Protein backbone atom coordinates (compact mmCIF):
# COMPACT_ATOMS: atom_id res chain seq x y z
CA UNK A 1 -0.48 0.06 0.04
CA UNK A 2 2.87 2.54 0.86
CA UNK A 3 4.50 1.56 -2.64
CA UNK A 4 1.30 2.40 -4.14
CA UNK A 5 0.90 5.85 -2.46
CA UNK A 6 4.49 6.42 -3.14
CA UNK A 7 3.95 6.18 -7.11
CA UNK A 8 0.39 8.13 -7.05
CA UNK A 9 2.55 11.06 -5.39
CA UNK A 10 5.35 10.93 -7.97
CA UNK A 11 3.30 10.42 -10.85
CA UNK A 12 1.26 13.34 -8.96
CA UNK A 13 3.57 15.55 -7.19
CA UNK A 14 3.97 18.63 -9.89
CA UNK A 15 0.08 19.24 -9.97
CA UNK A 16 -0.16 18.83 -5.53
CA UNK A 17 3.12 20.87 -5.12
CA UNK A 18 3.46 23.84 -7.23
CA UNK A 19 4.40 25.87 -4.56
CA UNK A 20 7.59 23.65 -4.25
CA UNK A 21 8.82 24.10 -7.67
CA UNK A 22 11.40 27.35 -8.81
CA UNK A 23 9.35 30.54 -8.75
CA UNK A 24 9.70 31.51 -11.93
CA UNK A 25 8.65 27.88 -13.24
CA UNK A 26 5.69 28.06 -11.12
CA UNK A 27 5.67 31.39 -12.28
CA UNK A 28 5.40 30.62 -16.01
CA UNK A 29 3.15 27.51 -15.19
CA UNK A 30 0.37 29.59 -13.20
CA UNK A 31 -0.02 32.26 -16.33
CA UNK A 32 -0.40 29.64 -18.48
CA UNK A 33 -3.42 29.03 -16.98
CA UNK A 34 -4.37 32.56 -16.87
CA UNK A 35 -3.45 33.08 -20.46
CA UNK A 36 -5.83 30.36 -21.62
CA UNK A 37 -8.83 31.97 -19.53
CA UNK A 38 -8.92 34.97 -21.99
CA UNK A 39 -7.92 33.50 -24.61
CA UNK A 40 -10.73 30.81 -24.45
CA UNK A 41 -12.84 32.69 -23.92
CA UNK A 42 -12.70 34.10 -27.20
CA UNK A 43 -11.49 31.98 -30.30
CA UNK A 44 -14.16 29.20 -29.38
CA UNK A 45 -16.77 31.47 -30.61
CA UNK A 46 -14.75 33.43 -33.07
CA UNK A 47 -16.16 31.14 -36.34
CA UNK A 48 -19.72 31.07 -34.93
CA UNK A 49 -19.33 35.22 -34.78
CA UNK A 50 -18.39 35.30 -38.13
CA UNK A 51 -20.44 32.73 -39.73
CA UNK A 52 -23.33 33.59 -37.88
CA UNK A 53 -23.03 36.99 -36.70
CA UNK A 54 -21.37 38.79 -39.64
CA UNK A 55 -22.48 35.92 -42.38
CA UNK A 56 -18.53 35.88 -43.70
CA UNK A 57 -18.33 33.05 -46.74
CA UNK A 58 -16.45 29.07 -45.67
CA UNK A 59 -13.26 30.56 -47.64
CA UNK A 60 -12.92 33.68 -45.40
CA UNK A 61 -14.31 31.86 -42.32
CA UNK A 62 -11.33 29.53 -42.34
CA UNK A 63 -8.68 32.68 -44.38
CA UNK A 64 -9.83 35.15 -40.84
CA UNK A 65 -8.70 31.10 -38.30
CA UNK A 66 -5.74 30.65 -40.63
CA UNK A 67 -4.71 34.32 -40.27
CA UNK A 68 -4.64 34.50 -37.00
CA UNK A 69 -2.70 31.26 -36.29
CA UNK A 70 -0.28 32.17 -39.16
CA UNK A 71 0.32 35.78 -37.61
CA UNK A 72 1.13 34.27 -34.19
CA UNK A 73 2.99 30.41 -35.10
CA UNK A 74 4.50 32.44 -38.21
CA UNK A 75 5.97 34.95 -36.29
CA UNK A 76 7.02 33.28 -33.95
CA UNK A 77 10.85 32.53 -35.01
CA UNK A 78 10.92 36.86 -34.83
CA UNK A 79 9.39 36.70 -31.39
CA UNK A 80 11.80 33.81 -30.04
CA UNK A 81 15.17 35.91 -31.49
CA UNK A 82 13.71 39.03 -29.35
CA UNK A 83 13.43 37.01 -26.82
CA UNK A 84 16.75 35.69 -26.94
CA UNK A 85 17.98 39.19 -27.54
CA UNK A 86 16.07 41.33 -24.93
CA UNK A 87 14.59 38.51 -22.10
CA UNK A 88 11.64 37.06 -22.06
CA UNK A 89 10.28 40.27 -20.16
CA UNK A 90 9.69 42.99 -22.59
CA UNK A 91 8.35 39.91 -25.18
CA UNK A 92 5.58 39.22 -22.85
CA UNK A 93 4.68 42.66 -21.78
CA UNK A 94 4.21 43.76 -25.13
CA UNK A 95 2.90 40.78 -26.22
CA UNK A 96 -0.03 41.11 -23.85
CA UNK A 97 -0.75 44.72 -24.80
CA UNK A 98 -1.71 43.74 -28.60
CA UNK A 99 -3.43 41.12 -26.80
CA UNK A 100 -5.99 43.71 -25.35
CA UNK A 101 -6.13 45.36 -28.48
CA UNK A 102 -7.01 42.78 -30.61
CA UNK A 103 -9.60 41.83 -28.68
CA UNK A 104 -11.07 44.98 -28.28
CA UNK A 105 -11.31 45.19 -32.09
CA UNK A 106 -12.31 41.74 -32.45
CA UNK A 107 -15.69 42.95 -30.08
CA UNK A 108 -16.17 45.87 -31.95
CA UNK A 109 -15.07 44.69 -35.87
CA UNK A 110 -18.96 44.50 -37.90
CA UNK A 111 -17.05 43.60 -41.55
CA UNK A 112 -14.50 41.63 -42.92
CA UNK A 113 -11.76 44.05 -42.12
CA UNK A 114 -12.35 45.15 -38.84
CA UNK A 115 -11.73 41.29 -38.02
CA UNK A 116 -8.89 40.31 -39.60
CA UNK A 117 -6.82 43.32 -38.19
CA UNK A 118 -7.74 42.00 -34.57
CA UNK A 119 -7.08 38.42 -36.20
CA UNK A 120 -4.13 39.46 -37.03
CA UNK A 121 -3.19 41.36 -33.80
CA UNK A 122 -4.08 38.50 -31.28
CA UNK A 123 -1.87 36.11 -33.31
CA UNK A 124 1.42 38.68 -32.79
CA UNK A 125 0.76 39.10 -29.29
CA UNK A 126 1.19 35.16 -28.68
CA UNK A 127 4.49 35.38 -31.06
CA UNK A 128 6.00 38.31 -28.71
CA UNK A 129 5.05 36.52 -25.32
CA UNK A 130 4.80 32.16 -26.53
CA UNK A 131 7.84 31.80 -27.21
CA UNK A 132 9.71 33.78 -25.05
CA UNK A 133 7.72 31.84 -22.25
CA UNK A 134 8.31 27.75 -23.68
CA UNK A 135 12.30 28.68 -24.12
CA UNK A 136 12.45 30.28 -20.51
CA UNK A 137 10.23 27.21 -18.96
CA UNK A 138 12.75 25.39 -21.01
CA UNK A 139 16.36 26.89 -19.80
CA UNK A 140 14.70 27.08 -16.20
CA UNK A 141 13.22 23.17 -16.19
CA UNK A 142 16.28 22.28 -18.45
CA UNK A 143 18.70 23.24 -15.31
CA UNK A 144 15.95 21.25 -12.79
CA UNK A 145 15.94 17.84 -14.77
CA UNK A 146 19.57 18.24 -15.21
CA UNK A 147 20.01 18.39 -11.06
CA UNK A 148 18.29 15.53 -10.81
CA UNK A 149 14.65 17.40 -10.47
CA UNK A 150 11.53 17.12 -12.37
CA UNK A 151 11.46 16.16 -15.63
CA UNK A 152 12.04 18.72 -18.31
CA UNK A 153 8.96 16.68 -20.52
CA UNK A 154 7.45 16.70 -16.98
CA UNK A 155 7.26 20.19 -16.09
CA UNK A 156 5.86 20.78 -20.03
CA UNK A 157 3.44 18.11 -19.45
CA UNK A 158 2.13 20.34 -15.66
CA UNK A 159 2.71 23.52 -18.39
CA UNK A 160 0.18 21.50 -20.52
CA UNK A 161 -2.72 20.77 -17.32
CA UNK A 162 -2.60 24.36 -16.44
CA UNK A 163 -3.23 25.80 -19.91
CA UNK A 164 -6.40 22.64 -20.19
CA UNK A 165 -7.69 23.85 -17.05
CA UNK A 166 -8.06 27.59 -17.82
CA UNK A 167 -9.35 25.81 -21.90
CA UNK A 168 -11.81 24.44 -19.16
CA UNK A 169 -12.92 27.77 -17.41
CA UNK A 170 -12.70 30.02 -20.74
CA UNK A 171 -14.99 28.31 -22.74
CA UNK A 172 -18.18 27.79 -20.36
CA UNK A 173 -17.21 31.20 -18.76
CA UNK A 174 -17.23 31.99 -22.73
CA UNK A 175 -20.92 30.95 -23.28
CA UNK A 176 -22.12 32.34 -20.58
CA UNK A 177 -20.79 35.77 -21.54
CA UNK A 178 -22.55 35.57 -24.94
CA UNK A 179 -26.07 35.52 -23.82
CA UNK A 180 -25.30 39.15 -23.41
CA UNK A 181 -23.04 39.61 -26.81
CA UNK A 182 -19.03 38.80 -28.80
CA UNK A 183 -18.42 42.44 -26.79
CA UNK A 184 -18.38 41.69 -24.10
CA UNK A 185 -17.03 38.15 -24.56
CA UNK A 186 -14.44 40.38 -26.23
CA UNK A 187 -14.42 42.56 -23.26
CA UNK A 188 -13.54 40.62 -20.48
CA UNK A 189 -10.98 38.69 -22.11
CA UNK A 190 -8.83 41.96 -22.75
CA UNK A 191 -9.75 42.60 -19.47
CA UNK A 192 -7.83 39.16 -18.11
CA UNK A 193 -4.93 40.24 -20.40
CA UNK A 194 -4.39 43.45 -18.63
CA UNK A 195 -4.15 41.46 -15.31
CA UNK A 196 -1.09 38.79 -16.42
CA UNK A 197 0.04 42.01 -18.01
CA UNK A 198 0.69 43.36 -14.57
CA UNK A 199 1.58 40.45 -13.16
CA UNK A 200 4.36 39.80 -15.55
CA UNK A 201 5.22 43.47 -14.89
CA UNK A 202 5.05 42.39 -11.03
CA UNK A 203 7.66 39.01 -10.78
CA UNK A 204 8.18 38.24 -13.87
CA UNK A 205 12.90 38.94 -13.47
CA UNK A 206 13.82 41.69 -15.40
CA UNK A 207 17.30 39.40 -16.82
CA UNK A 208 18.43 40.19 -20.25
CA UNK A 209 18.46 38.28 -22.70
CA UNK A 210 20.80 35.07 -23.17
CA UNK A 211 22.20 36.24 -26.09
CA UNK A 212 22.07 40.32 -25.65
CA UNK A 213 25.49 40.96 -27.13
CA UNK A 214 24.43 39.67 -30.56
CA UNK A 215 21.96 41.07 -33.06
CA UNK A 216 18.96 39.28 -33.57
CA UNK A 217 19.62 37.67 -36.51
CA UNK A 218 22.81 35.76 -35.54
CA UNK A 219 21.89 32.39 -34.70
CA UNK A 220 19.49 31.90 -37.97
CA UNK A 221 22.21 30.73 -40.19
CA UNK A 222 23.07 27.64 -37.83
CA UNK A 223 18.80 27.08 -36.69
CA UNK A 224 18.40 26.84 -40.21
CA UNK A 225 21.32 24.61 -41.38
CA UNK A 226 19.70 21.79 -38.10
CA UNK A 227 18.36 19.83 -40.55
CA UNK A 228 17.21 16.80 -38.13
CA UNK A 229 15.54 19.46 -36.69
CA UNK A 230 13.75 21.04 -39.68
CA UNK A 231 12.71 17.80 -39.96
CA UNK A 232 11.27 17.57 -36.74
CA UNK A 233 9.92 21.38 -37.75
CA UNK A 234 8.27 19.53 -40.09
CA UNK A 235 6.67 16.75 -38.59
CA UNK A 236 4.99 19.05 -35.52
CA UNK A 237 3.10 20.92 -38.34
CA UNK A 238 1.14 18.22 -38.81
CA UNK A 239 0.24 18.36 -34.79
CA UNK A 240 -0.23 22.05 -35.43
CA UNK A 241 -2.43 21.76 -38.05
CA UNK A 242 -4.55 18.77 -36.63
CA UNK A 243 -5.54 20.62 -33.38
CA UNK A 244 -6.23 24.14 -35.15
CA UNK A 245 -8.75 21.92 -36.72
CA UNK A 246 -10.97 22.35 -33.11
CA UNK A 247 -11.65 26.00 -33.91
CA UNK A 248 -12.78 25.39 -37.57
CA UNK A 249 -13.80 21.70 -38.57
CA UNK A 250 -15.54 20.75 -35.27
CA UNK A 251 -18.12 23.56 -35.63
CA UNK A 252 -18.37 22.86 -38.94
CA UNK A 253 -19.18 19.08 -37.92
CA UNK A 254 -21.51 20.27 -35.18
CA UNK A 255 -23.31 22.31 -37.96
CA UNK A 256 -23.59 18.89 -40.53
CA UNK A 257 -24.73 17.16 -37.92
CA UNK A 258 -26.57 18.71 -35.68
CA UNK A 259 -27.93 21.70 -37.06
CA UNK A 260 -25.84 23.68 -34.32
CA UNK A 261 -22.59 24.37 -32.46
CA UNK A 262 -25.02 23.83 -28.89
CA UNK A 263 -22.21 21.47 -28.05
CA UNK A 264 -19.25 23.66 -28.96
CA UNK A 265 -18.35 24.83 -25.73
CA UNK A 266 -18.91 21.18 -23.50
CA UNK A 267 -17.06 19.33 -26.45
CA UNK A 268 -13.77 22.21 -25.66
CA UNK A 269 -14.31 21.31 -21.61
CA UNK A 270 -14.37 17.81 -22.79
CA UNK A 271 -10.34 18.00 -24.19
CA UNK A 272 -9.87 20.03 -21.63
CA UNK A 273 -10.71 17.88 -18.26
CA UNK A 274 -9.23 15.30 -20.60
CA UNK A 275 -5.82 16.95 -19.95
CA UNK A 276 -6.41 17.94 -16.87
CA UNK A 277 -7.15 14.35 -15.53
CA UNK A 278 -5.25 12.32 -17.75
CA UNK A 279 -1.63 14.19 -19.22
CA UNK A 280 0.34 13.32 -15.99
CA UNK A 281 -0.26 10.14 -16.30
CA UNK A 282 -0.37 9.34 -19.37
CA UNK A 283 3.08 11.56 -20.00
CA UNK A 284 4.50 8.68 -17.44
CA UNK A 285 3.00 5.52 -19.42
CA UNK A 286 4.32 6.83 -23.02
CA UNK A 287 7.79 7.57 -21.55
CA UNK A 288 7.34 4.31 -20.03
CA UNK A 289 6.07 2.18 -22.39
CA UNK A 290 6.35 4.59 -25.80
CA UNK A 291 9.40 6.16 -25.37
CA UNK A 292 9.67 10.09 -26.44
CA UNK A 293 9.41 9.61 -29.59
CA UNK A 294 7.83 6.53 -30.65
CA UNK A 295 5.31 8.91 -28.07
CA UNK A 296 5.21 11.16 -31.00
CA UNK A 297 4.62 9.36 -33.24
CA UNK A 298 1.92 7.38 -31.95
CA UNK A 299 0.31 11.05 -30.78
CA UNK A 300 -0.20 11.73 -34.55
CA UNK A 301 -1.73 8.69 -35.35
CA UNK A 302 -3.85 8.55 -33.24
CA UNK A 303 -4.54 12.62 -34.46
CA UNK A 304 -5.51 10.65 -38.06
CA UNK A 305 -7.78 8.55 -36.47
CA UNK A 306 -9.96 11.14 -35.57
CA UNK A 307 -10.33 12.53 -38.73
CA UNK A 308 -11.28 8.84 -40.20
CA UNK A 309 -13.86 8.94 -38.46
CA UNK A 310 -15.59 11.66 -39.36
CA UNK A 311 -14.64 11.13 -42.74
CA UNK A 312 -16.70 7.25 -42.64
CA UNK A 313 -19.45 8.85 -41.29
CA UNK A 314 -19.92 11.73 -43.87
CA UNK A 315 -20.68 9.70 -46.78
CA UNK A 316 -23.86 8.86 -44.79
CA UNK A 317 -26.53 11.31 -43.51
CA UNK A 318 -26.57 12.44 -39.89
CA UNK A 319 -28.60 10.35 -36.81
CA UNK A 320 -31.09 11.54 -35.12
CA UNK A 321 -30.74 12.45 -31.99
CA UNK A 322 -28.17 12.52 -29.53
CA UNK A 323 -26.29 9.57 -31.39
CA UNK A 324 -25.38 12.80 -34.40
CA UNK A 325 -22.78 14.40 -32.47
CA UNK A 326 -20.90 10.68 -31.39
CA UNK A 327 -18.48 11.62 -34.62
CA UNK A 328 -17.57 14.49 -32.90
CA UNK A 329 -16.75 13.14 -29.64
CA UNK A 330 -14.76 10.95 -30.87
CA UNK A 331 -12.73 13.19 -33.10
CA UNK A 332 -12.30 15.40 -30.04
CA UNK A 333 -11.10 12.79 -27.79
CA UNK A 334 -8.45 11.12 -30.06
CA UNK A 335 -6.55 14.78 -31.10
CA UNK A 336 -6.74 15.26 -27.53
CA UNK A 337 -5.13 11.90 -27.12
CA UNK A 338 -2.93 12.34 -30.09
CA UNK A 339 -1.88 16.32 -27.91
CA UNK A 340 -1.13 14.21 -24.71
CA UNK A 341 1.46 11.48 -25.83
CA UNK A 342 3.50 14.24 -28.60
CA UNK A 343 3.66 17.38 -27.11
CA UNK A 344 5.28 16.80 -23.99
CA UNK A 345 8.07 15.16 -25.23
CA UNK A 346 8.07 17.57 -28.48
CA UNK A 347 8.56 20.29 -26.63
CA UNK A 348 11.83 18.87 -24.47
CA UNK A 349 12.84 17.68 -28.15
CA UNK A 350 13.26 21.11 -29.45
CA UNK A 351 15.79 22.10 -26.89
CA UNK A 352 17.26 18.59 -26.99
CA UNK A 353 17.90 19.24 -31.01
CA UNK A 354 18.70 23.17 -30.46
CA UNK A 355 21.58 21.66 -28.01
CA UNK A 356 19.97 24.03 -25.09
CA UNK A 357 20.75 27.27 -26.86
CA UNK A 358 19.08 29.76 -29.30
CA UNK A 359 15.68 28.56 -27.26
CA UNK A 360 13.84 31.05 -28.21
CA UNK A 361 15.07 31.11 -31.71
CA UNK A 362 14.21 27.30 -32.12
CA UNK A 363 11.06 27.35 -30.41
CA UNK A 364 9.95 30.64 -32.28
CA UNK A 365 10.95 28.68 -35.48
CA UNK A 366 9.19 25.59 -34.94
CA UNK A 367 5.76 27.02 -34.58
CA UNK A 368 6.71 28.91 -37.74
CA UNK A 369 7.14 26.03 -39.69
CA UNK A 370 3.73 24.97 -38.14
CA UNK A 371 1.83 28.41 -38.64
CA UNK A 372 1.92 28.73 -42.59
CA UNK A 373 1.47 24.73 -42.27
CA UNK A 374 -1.75 25.76 -40.34
CA UNK A 375 -2.44 29.10 -42.80
CA UNK A 376 -2.43 27.30 -46.05
CA UNK A 377 -4.43 23.76 -44.06
CA UNK A 378 -6.97 25.72 -43.04
CA UNK A 379 -7.93 28.31 -45.76
CA UNK A 380 -8.08 24.32 -47.80
CA UNK A 381 -10.13 23.37 -44.89
CA UNK A 382 -12.49 25.98 -44.86
CA UNK A 383 -12.83 25.65 -48.45
CA UNK A 384 -14.16 22.21 -48.61
CA UNK A 385 -16.10 22.49 -44.98
CA UNK A 386 -18.19 24.86 -47.41
CA UNK A 387 -19.41 21.83 -49.22
CA UNK A 388 -19.96 19.41 -46.31
CA UNK A 389 -23.68 19.83 -46.03
CA UNK A 390 -24.38 16.82 -48.26
CA UNK A 391 -23.77 13.06 -47.52
CA UNK A 392 -20.61 11.46 -50.37
CA UNK A 393 -17.28 12.44 -51.43
CA UNK A 394 -17.92 16.00 -51.02
CA UNK A 395 -18.51 15.88 -47.58
CA UNK A 396 -16.00 13.57 -46.95
CA UNK A 397 -13.29 15.19 -48.78
CA UNK A 398 -11.89 17.52 -46.01
CA UNK A 399 -11.97 15.06 -43.87
CA UNK A 400 -9.62 12.81 -45.74
CA UNK A 401 -7.72 15.39 -46.60
CA UNK A 402 -7.74 16.87 -42.82
CA UNK A 403 -6.52 12.75 -41.66
CA UNK A 404 -3.19 12.50 -44.01
CA UNK A 405 -2.03 15.64 -42.74
CA UNK A 406 -1.16 14.12 -39.54
CA UNK A 407 0.16 10.88 -41.05
CA UNK A 408 2.97 12.96 -42.84
CA UNK A 409 3.73 14.33 -39.58
CA UNK A 410 4.35 11.00 -37.92
CA UNK A 411 6.06 9.34 -41.28
CA UNK A 412 8.70 12.51 -40.69
CA UNK A 413 8.41 11.35 -36.89
CA UNK A 414 9.17 8.11 -37.60
CA UNK A 415 12.14 8.51 -39.87
CA UNK A 416 13.80 10.33 -37.53
CA UNK A 417 12.97 7.87 -34.99
CA UNK A 418 14.17 4.90 -36.78
CA UNK A 419 17.67 6.99 -37.15
CA UNK A 420 17.99 7.73 -33.86
CA UNK A 421 18.45 11.62 -34.02
CA UNK A 422 15.53 11.94 -31.34
CA UNK A 423 16.63 10.14 -28.46
CA UNK A 424 17.88 11.79 -25.13
CA UNK A 425 21.74 11.40 -25.96
CA UNK A 426 20.93 13.17 -29.38
CA UNK A 427 22.76 16.28 -30.43
CA UNK A 428 22.85 17.56 -33.67
CA UNK A 429 26.59 18.75 -35.12
CA UNK A 430 24.98 21.71 -36.28
CA UNK A 431 23.65 22.26 -32.46
CA UNK A 432 26.45 21.94 -31.32
CA UNK A 433 28.93 23.29 -34.06
CA UNK A 434 28.26 26.88 -32.58
CA UNK A 435 27.52 29.89 -33.78
CA UNK A 436 29.89 32.15 -31.74
């Protein structure tokens, strides 16, 4: 019994003993919770606002969502380089300010141009603060790992738990505020980011960047010469394209199957509860049974299975009653399981492929590659989903395409895994070679 209790404690201690982690790690984990409350207040309902309230065409909705993601993920490389040069604190504060402006504009805009600008601002905001936060967490957690403390992948698993706990609260609070209108939702979200900025102004260390004396773009040549990392980034893009379909393809599937998006908030909550309840044990299980490399491959294959379920049922008329939402539930469950298996290990791999140097640039670039893929993928998917109302090949086409995306990502990760390039001891020559 004592041994069993110790195993349970070992599995969950990071969540229960957050206060015992180093101060910066604790601040970053808690910040992720609040970041996601503000983010998920708005983004899950942006599709319905554009398609319903503003009556924008499907391709325009897909383009706007893709632009938001691209302005975020696509510019991570710049935000990461700025964090390496100037330090994380200025990037976090500036990013929060832009997120406030973006949300306020989204709430007030009554046409496509205003929505596009608001979406771009919210994306650029995250391009500034997210790579700074991830790079700093990777650096601090790496030092903790090397000193015999928590493993870095476990810290990123906790980071994911905190984020998803915020994603439980965000959509539900957003659904309540939506009873007023979308403007109220955006205004409250903006206020949350004002509070986040004030907290970081007070408590985030203000030390300079790790590469303060060097030009901002000094290390990009060595990063781009790291071929193993670039293949990994391409494979990780399959995850990013797939997971972003929760904001585009999932609402479309609910409309096809049930005629409304009434279940959207509950499905986001389901995904978040799965991560909160299962992320830490899933990471431990995957490390023990699969290893970090196969864990990422299996995660991507699970995401492909989620899209395949919907592709199959899209050939037939929607079922009557509550059964109609079952394919959407299966998709959410499989996408979430895939995320839980793949992401904590992937974040650790990024830092290892970087040889612990220029972490802002490396984390930025891996998301930028994904952002470009999401922009293209969301635009194509949005156009294909316009013909998803009638059963048959046309309705299934978007889901068939989406199934292929994580399969391609899994193939790329599998190639690297077979070469041993993702093993904990691996360091690429280009990463180790230094860049001055």
